[in-house]
Amino acid sequence: MSWLPWLAGAYLLGAFPTSFVAAKLGRRIDLRAHGSKNLGATNVFRILGWKYAIPVALVDIAKGAVPVALFGAWSGLSAAWAAALGATAVVGHVFSPFVGFRGGKGVATAAGMFIALAPLAVAIALPVWGLSLWLTGYVSVSSIVASVTFPVWVRLTEPAAPPAFYASLALAALIVFSHRANLRRLLAGTESRFRTRKEIPA
């Protein structure tokens, strides 16, 4: 059971509600009551601007990278366990007990995890994400496209790392699931484009 404390630590680190804390400390608002009501960097940008969104995104990325790069090494567990620790952090981010299990969509934290596991795959996925955003204007669409194609890049760039590939499949499914409300809004024609920004008064 030596893996259990590391798994719990990865979950709790991932569950830290970065955007919620940033909005509370910076503007004394509950981000779940504004914009898309999602605790992700995109909603932070729409409501609070880049000044808050960039640090939030960087911390969320670190929440995925640290369990793989540090916990994985410190624990002495296998590469499969390092992937499991990263995936657990993403689950913690999406289902955070600190905010009623209403966390973010998991994209930034998953990106951090794979920066540590499969950096070349992330390097390919970034322009895929950017091109999708440029073509559609929707962060949700670009995140889904990047996520569902990501296992292909992992397989191509890390053929000798099955744990990373299987983790990418599982997290692609989780990220699509976490975007279910966005998919409903897309079908209804009410999804906000990335350029839409509704900053609250200071």
N, C-alpha and C. Protein backbone atom coordinates (compact mmCIF):
# COMPACT_ATOMS: atom_id res chain seq x y z
N MET A 1 0.82 -1.22 0.00
CA MET A 1 0.00 0.00 0.00
C MET A 1 0.85 1.27 0.00
N SER A 2 2.14 1.14 -0.33
CA SER A 2 3.01 2.31 -0.31
C SER A 2 2.59 3.35 -1.34
N TRP A 3 1.78 2.93 -2.31
CA TRP A 3 1.32 3.83 -3.37
C TRP A 3 0.20 4.75 -2.90
N LEU A 4 -0.51 4.33 -1.85
CA LEU A 4 -1.73 5.05 -1.46
C LEU A 4 -1.48 6.50 -1.05
N PRO A 5 -0.47 6.79 -0.19
CA PRO A 5 -0.23 8.21 0.15
C PRO A 5 0.13 9.06 -1.06
N TRP A 6 0.87 8.49 -2.00
CA TRP A 6 1.23 9.25 -3.20
C TRP A 6 0.01 9.52 -4.06
N LEU A 7 -0.88 8.53 -4.15
CA LEU A 7 -2.10 8.71 -4.92
C LEU A 7 -2.99 9.77 -4.27
N ALA A 8 -3.09 9.71 -2.95
CA ALA A 8 -3.89 10.71 -2.23
C ALA A 8 -3.29 12.10 -2.38
N GLY A 9 -1.95 12.17 -2.31
CA GLY A 9 -1.30 13.47 -2.48
C GLY A 9 -1.52 14.04 -3.87
N ALA A 10 -1.47 13.18 -4.89
CA ALA A 10 -1.70 13.64 -6.27
C ALA A 10 -3.13 14.15 -6.43
N TYR A 11 -4.07 13.43 -5.84
CA TYR A 11 -5.48 13.84 -5.94
C TYR A 11 -5.69 15.19 -5.26
N LEU A 12 -5.16 15.35 -4.07
CA LEU A 12 -5.37 16.60 -3.32
C LEU A 12 -4.66 17.77 -3.98
N LEU A 13 -3.48 17.52 -4.53
CA LEU A 13 -2.79 18.59 -5.26
C LEU A 13 -3.60 19.00 -6.48
N GLY A 14 -4.07 18.03 -7.24
CA GLY A 14 -4.89 18.34 -8.40
C GLY A 14 -6.18 19.03 -8.03
N ALA A 15 -6.70 18.72 -6.85
CA ALA A 15 -7.98 19.27 -6.41
C ALA A 15 -7.89 20.71 -5.93
N PHE A 16 -6.67 21.21 -5.73
CA PHE A 16 -6.56 22.60 -5.27
C PHE A 16 -7.25 23.52 -6.28
N PRO A 17 -8.27 24.26 -5.84
CA PRO A 17 -9.09 25.06 -6.77
C PRO A 17 -8.45 26.40 -7.10
N THR A 18 -7.47 26.37 -7.99
CA THR A 18 -6.67 27.55 -8.29
C THR A 18 -7.50 28.76 -8.67
N SER A 19 -8.39 28.59 -9.63
CA SER A 19 -9.17 29.73 -10.13
C SER A 19 -10.13 30.25 -9.07
N PHE A 20 -10.70 29.34 -8.29
CA PHE A 20 -11.62 29.76 -7.22
C PHE A 20 -10.89 30.62 -6.20
N VAL A 21 -9.71 30.17 -5.79
CA VAL A 21 -8.91 30.91 -4.80
C VAL A 21 -8.46 32.25 -5.38
N ALA A 22 -8.02 32.24 -6.64
CA ALA A 22 -7.56 33.49 -7.27
C ALA A 22 -8.69 34.52 -7.34
N ALA A 23 -9.88 34.08 -7.71
CA ALA A 23 -11.01 35.01 -7.81
C ALA A 23 -11.45 35.51 -6.44
N LYS A 24 -11.39 34.63 -5.45
CA LYS A 24 -11.76 35.04 -4.09
C LYS A 24 -10.76 36.03 -3.51
N LEU A 25 -9.48 35.74 -3.68
CA LEU A 25 -8.46 36.62 -3.12
C LEU A 25 -8.34 37.92 -3.91
N GLY A 26 -8.43 37.82 -5.23
CA GLY A 26 -8.21 38.99 -6.06
C GLY A 26 -9.40 39.92 -6.17
N ARG A 27 -10.59 39.34 -6.32
CA ARG A 27 -11.77 40.17 -6.56
C ARG A 27 -12.93 39.88 -5.61
N ARG A 28 -12.74 38.92 -4.72
CA ARG A 28 -13.75 38.55 -3.73
C ARG A 28 -15.06 38.12 -4.38
N ILE A 29 -14.93 37.30 -5.42
CA ILE A 29 -16.12 36.76 -6.08
C ILE A 29 -16.01 35.24 -6.13
N ASP A 30 -17.15 34.60 -6.27
CA ASP A 30 -17.20 33.16 -6.50
C ASP A 30 -17.31 32.96 -8.00
N LEU A 31 -16.26 32.44 -8.62
CA LEU A 31 -16.23 32.30 -10.07
C LEU A 31 -17.34 31.39 -10.58
N ARG A 32 -17.87 30.53 -9.70
CA ARG A 32 -18.94 29.62 -10.11
C ARG A 32 -20.25 30.35 -10.34
N ALA A 33 -20.29 31.64 -10.01
CA ALA A 33 -21.51 32.42 -10.21
C ALA A 33 -21.38 33.39 -11.38
N HIS A 34 -20.30 33.29 -12.14
CA HIS A 34 -20.05 34.25 -13.22
C HIS A 34 -19.64 33.53 -14.51
N GLY A 35 -19.96 34.17 -15.64
CA GLY A 35 -19.57 33.64 -16.95
C GLY A 35 -20.13 32.26 -17.19
N SER A 36 -19.26 31.32 -17.57
CA SER A 36 -19.69 29.94 -17.80
C SER A 36 -19.87 29.18 -16.50
N LYS A 37 -19.48 29.81 -15.39
CA LYS A 37 -19.55 29.22 -14.05
C LYS A 37 -18.57 28.06 -13.87
N ASN A 38 -17.61 27.97 -14.77
CA ASN A 38 -16.61 26.93 -14.71
C ASN A 38 -15.34 27.45 -14.04
N LEU A 39 -14.68 26.57 -13.29
CA LEU A 39 -13.46 26.96 -12.60
C LEU A 39 -12.23 26.62 -13.45
N GLY A 40 -12.18 27.23 -14.63
CA GLY A 40 -11.06 27.03 -15.53
C GLY A 40 -10.47 28.35 -15.97
N ALA A 41 -9.31 28.26 -16.61
CA ALA A 41 -8.59 29.48 -16.99
C ALA A 41 -9.36 30.30 -18.03
N THR A 42 -10.14 29.64 -18.89
CA THR A 42 -10.90 30.39 -19.90
C THR A 42 -11.93 31.29 -19.24
N ASN A 43 -12.63 30.77 -18.25
CA ASN A 43 -13.62 31.59 -17.55
C ASN A 43 -12.93 32.67 -16.73
N VAL A 44 -11.76 32.37 -16.18
CA VAL A 44 -11.00 33.39 -15.46
C VAL A 44 -10.66 34.53 -16.41
N PHE A 45 -10.23 34.19 -17.64
CA PHE A 45 -9.92 35.24 -18.61
C PHE A 45 -11.15 36.09 -18.92
N ARG A 46 -12.27 35.45 -19.16
CA ARG A 46 -13.47 36.18 -19.53
C ARG A 46 -13.93 37.12 -18.42
N ILE A 47 -13.78 36.68 -17.19
CA ILE A 47 -14.30 37.47 -16.07
C ILE A 47 -13.24 38.40 -15.48
N LEU A 48 -12.00 37.93 -15.37
CA LEU A 48 -10.98 38.69 -14.66
C LEU A 48 -9.81 39.15 -15.53
N GLY A 49 -9.69 38.59 -16.74
CA GLY A 49 -8.64 39.04 -17.64
C GLY A 49 -7.37 38.21 -17.55
N TRP A 50 -6.40 38.53 -18.43
CA TRP A 50 -5.14 37.79 -18.53
C TRP A 50 -4.32 37.87 -17.24
N LYS A 51 -4.43 38.96 -16.54
CA LYS A 51 -3.64 39.14 -15.31
C LYS A 51 -3.87 37.98 -14.34
N TYR A 52 -5.08 37.48 -14.33
CA TYR A 52 -5.41 36.34 -13.47
C TYR A 52 -5.33 35.02 -14.23
N ALA A 53 -5.71 35.01 -15.51
CA ALA A 53 -5.83 33.76 -16.25
C ALA A 53 -4.48 33.07 -16.44
N ILE A 54 -3.43 33.83 -16.74
CA ILE A 54 -2.13 33.21 -17.00
C ILE A 54 -1.57 32.52 -15.75
N PRO A 55 -1.52 33.19 -14.58
CA PRO A 55 -1.04 32.48 -13.39
C PRO A 55 -1.89 31.26 -13.04
N VAL A 56 -3.21 31.38 -13.20
CA VAL A 56 -4.09 30.25 -12.91
C VAL A 56 -3.75 29.08 -13.83
N ALA A 57 -3.59 29.34 -15.11
CA ALA A 57 -3.26 28.28 -16.06
C ALA A 57 -1.92 27.63 -15.72
N LEU A 58 -0.93 28.44 -15.36
CA LEU A 58 0.39 27.90 -15.05
C LEU A 58 0.36 27.00 -13.81
N VAL A 59 -0.39 27.43 -12.81
CA VAL A 59 -0.51 26.60 -11.60
C VAL A 59 -1.25 25.31 -11.92
N ASP A 60 -2.31 25.39 -12.72
CA ASP A 60 -3.05 24.19 -13.09
C ASP A 60 -2.18 23.22 -13.89
N ILE A 61 -1.33 23.75 -14.75
CA ILE A 61 -0.38 22.90 -15.49
C ILE A 61 0.58 22.22 -14.51
N ALA A 62 1.08 22.98 -13.55
CA ALA A 62 2.01 22.42 -12.56
C ALA A 62 1.36 21.33 -11.74
N LYS A 63 0.06 21.44 -11.49
CA LYS A 63 -0.64 20.43 -10.71
C LYS A 63 -0.61 19.07 -11.40
N GLY A 64 -0.51 19.07 -12.73
CA GLY A 64 -0.40 17.81 -13.44
C GLY A 64 1.03 17.33 -13.59
N ALA A 65 1.97 18.26 -13.72
CA ALA A 65 3.36 17.89 -13.93
C ALA A 65 4.04 17.39 -12.66
N VAL A 66 3.75 18.01 -11.52
CA VAL A 66 4.44 17.66 -10.27
C VAL A 66 4.21 16.21 -9.86
N PRO A 67 2.98 15.69 -9.88
CA PRO A 67 2.82 14.28 -9.49
C PRO A 67 3.61 13.31 -10.36
N VAL A 68 3.73 13.61 -11.66
CA VAL A 68 4.49 12.72 -12.54
C VAL A 68 5.98 12.89 -12.32
N ALA A 69 6.46 14.13 -12.41
CA ALA A 69 7.90 14.38 -12.39
C ALA A 69 8.52 14.22 -11.00
N LEU A 70 7.80 14.63 -9.97
CA LEU A 70 8.36 14.58 -8.62
C LEU A 70 7.84 13.41 -7.79
N PHE A 71 6.51 13.29 -7.68
CA PHE A 71 5.96 12.19 -6.88
C PHE A 71 6.39 10.84 -7.47
N GLY A 72 6.36 10.77 -8.80
CA GLY A 72 6.75 9.52 -9.45
C GLY A 72 8.18 9.13 -9.13
N ALA A 73 9.08 10.11 -9.13
CA ALA A 73 10.50 9.84 -8.83
C ALA A 73 10.70 9.57 -7.35
N TRP A 74 10.10 10.38 -6.49
CA TRP A 74 10.30 10.23 -5.05
C TRP A 74 9.72 8.91 -4.52
N SER A 75 8.63 8.47 -5.10
CA SER A 75 7.95 7.27 -4.59
C SER A 75 8.69 5.99 -4.95
N GLY A 76 9.49 6.02 -6.02
CA GLY A 76 10.16 4.82 -6.46
C GLY A 76 9.24 3.83 -7.15
N LEU A 77 8.03 4.28 -7.49
CA LEU A 77 7.07 3.42 -8.16
C LEU A 77 7.38 3.35 -9.66
N SER A 78 6.69 2.49 -10.37
CA SER A 78 6.96 2.27 -11.78
C SER A 78 6.46 3.42 -12.65
N ALA A 79 6.81 3.37 -13.94
CA ALA A 79 6.34 4.38 -14.89
C ALA A 79 4.83 4.36 -15.00
N ALA A 80 4.24 3.18 -14.88
CA ALA A 80 2.78 3.08 -14.92
C ALA A 80 2.16 3.85 -13.76
N TRP A 81 2.80 3.77 -12.60
CA TRP A 81 2.29 4.51 -11.45
C TRP A 81 2.48 6.00 -11.61
N ALA A 82 3.56 6.42 -12.26
CA ALA A 82 3.75 7.85 -12.52
C ALA A 82 2.60 8.39 -13.37
N ALA A 83 2.21 7.62 -14.40
CA ALA A 83 1.07 8.01 -15.23
C ALA A 83 -0.22 8.02 -14.41
N ALA A 84 -0.36 7.04 -13.53
CA ALA A 84 -1.56 6.98 -12.69
C ALA A 84 -1.63 8.17 -11.74
N LEU A 85 -0.49 8.60 -11.22
CA LEU A 85 -0.46 9.76 -10.33
C LEU A 85 -0.88 11.02 -11.08
N GLY A 86 -0.38 11.18 -12.31
CA GLY A 86 -0.79 12.33 -13.10
C GLY A 86 -2.27 12.32 -13.40
N ALA A 87 -2.78 11.15 -13.80
CA ALA A 87 -4.21 11.04 -14.10
C ALA A 87 -5.06 11.32 -12.87
N THR A 88 -4.59 10.88 -11.72
CA THR A 88 -5.32 11.13 -10.47
C THR A 88 -5.38 12.62 -10.17
N ALA A 89 -4.31 13.34 -10.47
CA ALA A 89 -4.32 14.79 -10.28
C ALA A 89 -5.36 15.46 -11.19
N VAL A 90 -5.48 14.96 -12.41
CA VAL A 90 -6.47 15.51 -13.34
C VAL A 90 -7.88 15.25 -12.81
N VAL A 91 -8.11 14.03 -12.31
CA VAL A 91 -9.42 13.71 -11.73
C VAL A 91 -9.71 14.63 -10.54
N GLY A 92 -8.68 14.89 -9.71
CA GLY A 92 -8.87 15.81 -8.60
C GLY A 92 -9.23 17.20 -9.06
N HIS A 93 -8.62 17.65 -10.16
CA HIS A 93 -8.92 18.98 -10.69
C HIS A 93 -10.37 19.06 -11.17
N VAL A 94 -10.83 18.03 -11.85
CA VAL A 94 -12.19 18.02 -12.39
C VAL A 94 -13.23 17.83 -11.28
N PHE A 95 -12.91 16.97 -10.32
CA PHE A 95 -13.85 16.67 -9.23
C PHE A 95 -13.20 17.06 -7.90
N SER A 96 -13.10 18.35 -7.67
CA SER A 96 -12.44 18.84 -6.46
C SER A 96 -13.39 18.86 -5.27
N PRO A 97 -13.05 18.18 -4.18
CA PRO A 97 -13.91 18.19 -3.00
C PRO A 97 -13.95 19.54 -2.30
N PHE A 98 -12.99 20.42 -2.62
CA PHE A 98 -12.93 21.73 -1.98
C PHE A 98 -13.98 22.69 -2.53
N VAL A 99 -14.55 22.38 -3.69
CA VAL A 99 -15.55 23.27 -4.31
C VAL A 99 -16.77 22.46 -4.75
N GLY A 100 -17.15 21.51 -3.91
CA GLY A 100 -18.35 20.74 -4.18
C GLY A 100 -18.24 19.84 -5.40
N PHE A 101 -17.02 19.37 -5.68
CA PHE A 101 -16.74 18.49 -6.83
C PHE A 101 -17.11 19.15 -8.16
N ARG A 102 -17.02 20.48 -8.19
CA ARG A 102 -17.25 21.24 -9.43
C ARG A 102 -15.97 21.97 -9.80
N GLY A 103 -15.02 21.25 -10.35
CA GLY A 103 -13.75 21.84 -10.69
C GLY A 103 -13.69 22.33 -12.12
N GLY A 104 -12.48 22.31 -12.70
CA GLY A 104 -12.30 22.75 -14.08
C GLY A 104 -12.51 21.60 -15.05
N LYS A 105 -12.13 21.82 -16.30
CA LYS A 105 -12.34 20.82 -17.34
C LYS A 105 -11.19 19.82 -17.46
N GLY A 106 -10.06 20.13 -16.83
CA GLY A 106 -8.95 19.19 -16.80
C GLY A 106 -7.92 19.33 -17.91
N VAL A 107 -8.12 20.27 -18.83
CA VAL A 107 -7.24 20.37 -19.99
C VAL A 107 -5.84 20.83 -19.58
N ALA A 108 -5.73 21.90 -18.81
CA ALA A 108 -4.41 22.42 -18.42
C ALA A 108 -3.67 21.43 -17.54
N THR A 109 -4.37 20.80 -16.60
CA THR A 109 -3.72 19.84 -15.71
C THR A 109 -3.27 18.61 -16.47
N ALA A 110 -4.08 18.16 -17.44
CA ALA A 110 -3.67 17.04 -18.29
C ALA A 110 -2.46 17.42 -19.14
N ALA A 111 -2.44 18.66 -19.62
CA ALA A 111 -1.28 19.12 -20.40
C ALA A 111 -0.02 19.08 -19.56
N GLY A 112 -0.11 19.51 -18.31
CA GLY A 112 1.04 19.45 -17.42
C GLY A 112 1.52 18.03 -17.18
N MET A 113 0.58 17.14 -16.99
CA MET A 113 0.92 15.74 -16.80
C MET A 113 1.71 15.20 -17.99
N PHE A 114 1.24 15.53 -19.20
CA PHE A 114 1.90 14.99 -20.40
C PHE A 114 3.14 15.78 -20.81
N ILE A 115 3.30 16.98 -20.30
CA ILE A 115 4.60 17.66 -20.48
C ILE A 115 5.69 16.83 -19.82
N ALA A 116 5.33 16.20 -18.70
CA ALA A 116 6.28 15.34 -18.00
C ALA A 116 6.38 13.95 -18.62
N LEU A 117 5.27 13.44 -19.18
CA LEU A 117 5.24 12.07 -19.70
C LEU A 117 5.59 11.98 -21.19
N ALA A 118 5.03 12.89 -21.99
CA ALA A 118 5.18 12.81 -23.44
C ALA A 118 5.25 14.21 -24.03
N PRO A 119 6.37 14.92 -23.81
CA PRO A 119 6.45 16.33 -24.22
C PRO A 119 6.32 16.55 -25.72
N LEU A 120 6.81 15.63 -26.54
CA LEU A 120 6.68 15.81 -27.99
C LEU A 120 5.21 15.73 -28.42
N ALA A 121 4.45 14.89 -27.77
CA ALA A 121 3.02 14.81 -28.08
C ALA A 121 2.32 16.12 -27.74
N VAL A 122 2.72 16.74 -26.64
CA VAL A 122 2.15 18.03 -26.27
C VAL A 122 2.53 19.09 -27.29
N ALA A 123 3.77 19.03 -27.77
CA ALA A 123 4.24 20.00 -28.78
C ALA A 123 3.43 19.88 -30.06
N ILE A 124 2.97 18.68 -30.40
CA ILE A 124 2.13 18.51 -31.58
C ILE A 124 0.70 18.97 -31.29
N ALA A 125 0.23 18.66 -30.09
CA ALA A 125 -1.16 18.98 -29.74
C ALA A 125 -1.40 20.48 -29.64
N LEU A 126 -0.40 21.24 -29.25
CA LEU A 126 -0.60 22.69 -29.09
C LEU A 126 -1.02 23.38 -30.38
N PRO A 127 -0.32 23.16 -31.51
CA PRO A 127 -0.80 23.77 -32.75
C PRO A 127 -2.15 23.22 -33.21
N VAL A 128 -2.45 21.96 -32.88
CA VAL A 128 -3.77 21.41 -33.20
C VAL A 128 -4.84 22.20 -32.44
N TRP A 129 -4.57 22.43 -31.16
CA TRP A 129 -5.49 23.23 -30.33
C TRP A 129 -5.61 24.64 -30.90
N GLY A 130 -4.48 25.26 -31.21
CA GLY A 130 -4.50 26.63 -31.72
C GLY A 130 -5.21 26.75 -33.05
N LEU A 131 -4.98 25.80 -33.96
CA LEU A 131 -5.64 25.83 -35.25
C LEU A 131 -7.15 25.65 -35.10
N SER A 132 -7.55 24.75 -34.22
CA SER A 132 -8.99 24.54 -33.98
C SER A 132 -9.63 25.80 -33.42
N LEU A 133 -8.91 26.48 -32.52
CA LEU A 133 -9.44 27.72 -31.95
C LEU A 133 -9.56 28.80 -33.02
N TRP A 134 -8.55 28.89 -33.88
CA TRP A 134 -8.57 29.89 -34.95
C TRP A 134 -9.71 29.63 -35.93
N LEU A 135 -9.96 28.36 -36.24
CA LEU A 135 -10.99 28.01 -37.21
C LEU A 135 -12.40 28.15 -36.65
N THR A 136 -12.57 27.81 -35.36
CA THR A 136 -13.93 27.77 -34.80
C THR A 136 -14.23 28.93 -33.86
N GLY A 137 -13.21 29.43 -33.17
CA GLY A 137 -13.43 30.49 -32.19
C GLY A 137 -13.89 29.97 -30.84
N TYR A 138 -13.98 28.65 -30.70
CA TYR A 138 -14.47 28.06 -29.45
C TYR A 138 -13.35 27.33 -28.72
N VAL A 139 -13.09 27.71 -27.48
CA VAL A 139 -12.09 26.99 -26.68
C VAL A 139 -12.55 25.57 -26.43
N SER A 140 -13.85 25.40 -26.19
CA SER A 140 -14.37 24.07 -25.91
C SER A 140 -14.12 23.12 -27.08
N VAL A 141 -14.40 23.57 -28.30
CA VAL A 141 -14.19 22.73 -29.47
C VAL A 141 -12.71 22.40 -29.64
N SER A 142 -11.86 23.41 -29.50
CA SER A 142 -10.42 23.17 -29.68
C SER A 142 -9.88 22.24 -28.60
N SER A 143 -10.39 22.34 -27.38
CA SER A 143 -9.95 21.45 -26.31
C SER A 143 -10.38 20.02 -26.58
N ILE A 144 -11.60 19.84 -27.06
CA ILE A 144 -12.09 18.49 -27.36
C ILE A 144 -11.31 17.89 -28.53
N VAL A 145 -11.10 18.68 -29.58
CA VAL A 145 -10.34 18.18 -30.74
C VAL A 145 -8.92 17.79 -30.32
N ALA A 146 -8.27 18.66 -29.56
CA ALA A 146 -6.90 18.36 -29.12
C ALA A 146 -6.87 17.11 -28.24
N SER A 147 -7.88 16.95 -27.39
CA SER A 147 -7.91 15.80 -26.47
C SER A 147 -8.15 14.48 -27.19
N VAL A 148 -9.09 14.46 -28.11
CA VAL A 148 -9.42 13.18 -28.77
C VAL A 148 -8.35 12.76 -29.77
N THR A 149 -7.59 13.72 -30.28
CA THR A 149 -6.49 13.37 -31.19
C THR A 149 -5.18 13.11 -30.44
N PHE A 150 -5.13 13.51 -29.19
CA PHE A 150 -3.88 13.42 -28.43
C PHE A 150 -3.34 12.00 -28.31
N PRO A 151 -4.17 10.98 -28.07
CA PRO A 151 -3.61 9.61 -28.00
C PRO A 151 -2.83 9.21 -29.24
N VAL A 152 -3.21 9.73 -30.40
CA VAL A 152 -2.46 9.43 -31.63
C VAL A 152 -1.04 9.95 -31.51
N TRP A 153 -0.90 11.18 -31.01
CA TRP A 153 0.44 11.77 -30.90
C TRP A 153 1.27 11.04 -29.84
N VAL A 154 0.61 10.60 -28.78
CA VAL A 154 1.34 9.84 -27.76
C VAL A 154 1.85 8.53 -28.34
N ARG A 155 0.99 7.85 -29.08
CA ARG A 155 1.39 6.57 -29.69
C ARG A 155 2.55 6.75 -30.67
N LEU A 156 2.51 7.84 -31.43
CA LEU A 156 3.55 8.08 -32.43
C LEU A 156 4.88 8.48 -31.80
N THR A 157 4.81 9.31 -30.76
CA THR A 157 6.05 9.86 -30.18
C THR A 157 6.60 9.04 -29.03
N GLU A 158 5.74 8.25 -28.37
CA GLU A 158 6.18 7.43 -27.23
C GLU A 158 5.69 6.00 -27.42
N PRO A 159 6.13 5.33 -28.49
CA PRO A 159 5.62 3.98 -28.76
C PRO A 159 5.98 2.96 -27.70
N ALA A 160 7.03 3.24 -26.93
CA ALA A 160 7.46 2.29 -25.90
C ALA A 160 6.90 2.64 -24.52
N ALA A 161 5.87 3.48 -24.48
CA ALA A 161 5.30 3.90 -23.21
C ALA A 161 3.79 3.66 -23.17
N PRO A 162 3.39 2.39 -23.07
CA PRO A 162 1.95 2.08 -23.03
C PRO A 162 1.18 2.80 -21.92
N PRO A 163 1.75 2.96 -20.71
CA PRO A 163 0.98 3.66 -19.67
C PRO A 163 0.57 5.07 -20.08
N ALA A 164 1.45 5.79 -20.76
CA ALA A 164 1.11 7.15 -21.21
C ALA A 164 -0.01 7.10 -22.23
N PHE A 165 0.03 6.12 -23.12
CA PHE A 165 -1.01 6.00 -24.15
C PHE A 165 -2.36 5.70 -23.52
N TYR A 166 -2.40 4.73 -22.62
CA TYR A 166 -3.68 4.37 -22.00
C TYR A 166 -4.21 5.51 -21.14
N ALA A 167 -3.30 6.22 -20.49
CA ALA A 167 -3.73 7.38 -19.70
C ALA A 167 -4.30 8.46 -20.61
N SER A 168 -3.72 8.63 -21.80
CA SER A 168 -4.23 9.64 -22.73
C SER A 168 -5.62 9.28 -23.22
N LEU A 169 -5.89 8.00 -23.42
CA LEU A 169 -7.22 7.56 -23.83
C LEU A 169 -8.24 7.86 -22.73
N ALA A 170 -7.88 7.50 -21.49
CA ALA A 170 -8.80 7.70 -20.37
C ALA A 170 -9.08 9.18 -20.15
N LEU A 171 -8.04 10.00 -20.24
CA LEU A 171 -8.23 11.43 -19.98
C LEU A 171 -8.94 12.12 -21.14
N ALA A 172 -8.77 11.62 -22.36
CA ALA A 172 -9.54 12.17 -23.47
C ALA A 172 -11.03 11.98 -23.21
N ALA A 173 -11.39 10.79 -22.74
CA ALA A 173 -12.80 10.53 -22.41
C ALA A 173 -13.28 11.43 -21.28
N LEU A 174 -12.43 11.60 -20.25
CA LEU A 174 -12.81 12.46 -19.12
C LEU A 174 -12.99 13.90 -19.56
N ILE A 175 -12.11 14.40 -20.42
CA ILE A 175 -12.19 15.79 -20.86
C ILE A 175 -13.42 16.01 -21.73
N VAL A 176 -13.74 15.06 -22.59
CA VAL A 176 -14.97 15.18 -23.38
C VAL A 176 -16.18 15.19 -22.43
N PHE A 177 -16.17 14.31 -21.44
CA PHE A 177 -17.26 14.28 -20.46
C PHE A 177 -17.37 15.60 -19.71
N SER A 178 -16.24 16.18 -19.34
CA SER A 178 -16.26 17.43 -18.58
C SER A 178 -16.76 18.60 -19.42
N HIS A 179 -16.77 18.43 -20.74
CA HIS A 179 -17.27 19.47 -21.65
C HIS A 179 -18.72 19.23 -22.08
N ARG A 180 -19.43 18.37 -21.39
CA ARG A 180 -20.79 18.02 -21.81
C ARG A 180 -21.71 19.24 -21.84
N ALA A 181 -21.55 20.15 -20.87
CA ALA A 181 -22.39 21.36 -20.89
C ALA A 181 -22.04 22.24 -22.08
N ASN A 182 -20.76 22.31 -22.43
CA ASN A 182 -20.35 23.08 -23.61
C ASN A 182 -20.94 22.48 -24.88
N LEU A 183 -20.96 21.16 -24.95
CA LEU A 183 -21.52 20.50 -26.13
C LEU A 183 -23.01 20.81 -26.26
N ARG A 184 -23.70 20.84 -25.12
CA ARG A 184 -25.12 21.19 -25.17
C ARG A 184 -25.31 22.63 -25.65
N ARG A 185 -24.44 23.54 -25.18
CA ARG A 185 -24.55 24.93 -25.62
C ARG A 185 -24.18 25.08 -27.09
N LEU A 186 -23.22 24.31 -27.54
CA LEU A 186 -22.86 24.34 -28.96
C LEU A 186 -24.03 23.91 -29.83
N LEU A 187 -24.71 22.85 -29.43
CA LEU A 187 -25.87 22.38 -30.18
C LEU A 187 -27.00 23.39 -30.15
N ALA A 188 -27.10 24.13 -29.03
CA ALA A 188 -28.16 25.13 -28.91
C ALA A 188 -27.78 26.47 -29.52
N GLY A 189 -26.50 26.61 -29.92
CA GLY A 189 -26.03 27.86 -30.50
C GLY A 189 -25.81 28.96 -29.49
N THR A 190 -25.58 28.60 -28.22
CA THR A 190 -25.41 29.61 -27.17
C THR A 190 -24.01 29.61 -26.56
N GLU A 191 -23.10 28.80 -27.11
CA GLU A 191 -21.74 28.75 -26.57
C GLU A 191 -21.00 30.06 -26.88
N SER A 192 -20.27 30.57 -25.90
CA SER A 192 -19.53 31.81 -26.09
C SER A 192 -18.21 31.53 -26.81
N ARG A 193 -17.86 32.41 -27.74
CA ARG A 193 -16.58 32.31 -28.41
C ARG A 193 -15.48 32.88 -27.52
N PHE A 194 -14.26 32.53 -27.82
CA PHE A 194 -13.13 32.92 -26.99
C PHE A 194 -12.98 34.43 -26.89
N ARG A 195 -13.27 35.14 -27.98
CA ARG A 195 -13.09 36.58 -27.95
C ARG A 195 -14.11 37.31 -27.08
N THR A 196 -15.16 36.59 -26.68
CA THR A 196 -16.17 37.19 -25.82
C THR A 196 -15.63 37.34 -24.42
N ARG A 197 -15.63 38.56 -23.92
CA ARG A 197 -15.14 38.79 -22.57
C ARG A 197 -16.12 39.68 -21.83
N LYS A 198 -16.51 39.27 -20.62
CA LYS A 198 -17.47 40.01 -19.83
C LYS A 198 -16.88 40.25 -18.45
N GLU A 199 -15.98 41.18 -18.40
CA GLU A 199 -15.28 41.46 -17.13
C GLU A 199 -16.23 42.15 -16.18
N ILE A 200 -16.20 41.73 -14.92
CA ILE A 200 -17.04 42.37 -13.92
C ILE A 200 -16.39 43.66 -13.47
N PRO A 201 -17.14 44.61 -12.95
CA PRO A 201 -16.56 45.87 -12.49
C PRO A 201 -15.59 45.63 -11.34
N ALA A 202 -14.57 46.47 -11.27
CA ALA A 202 -13.61 46.35 -10.17
C ALA A 202 -14.28 46.68 -8.85
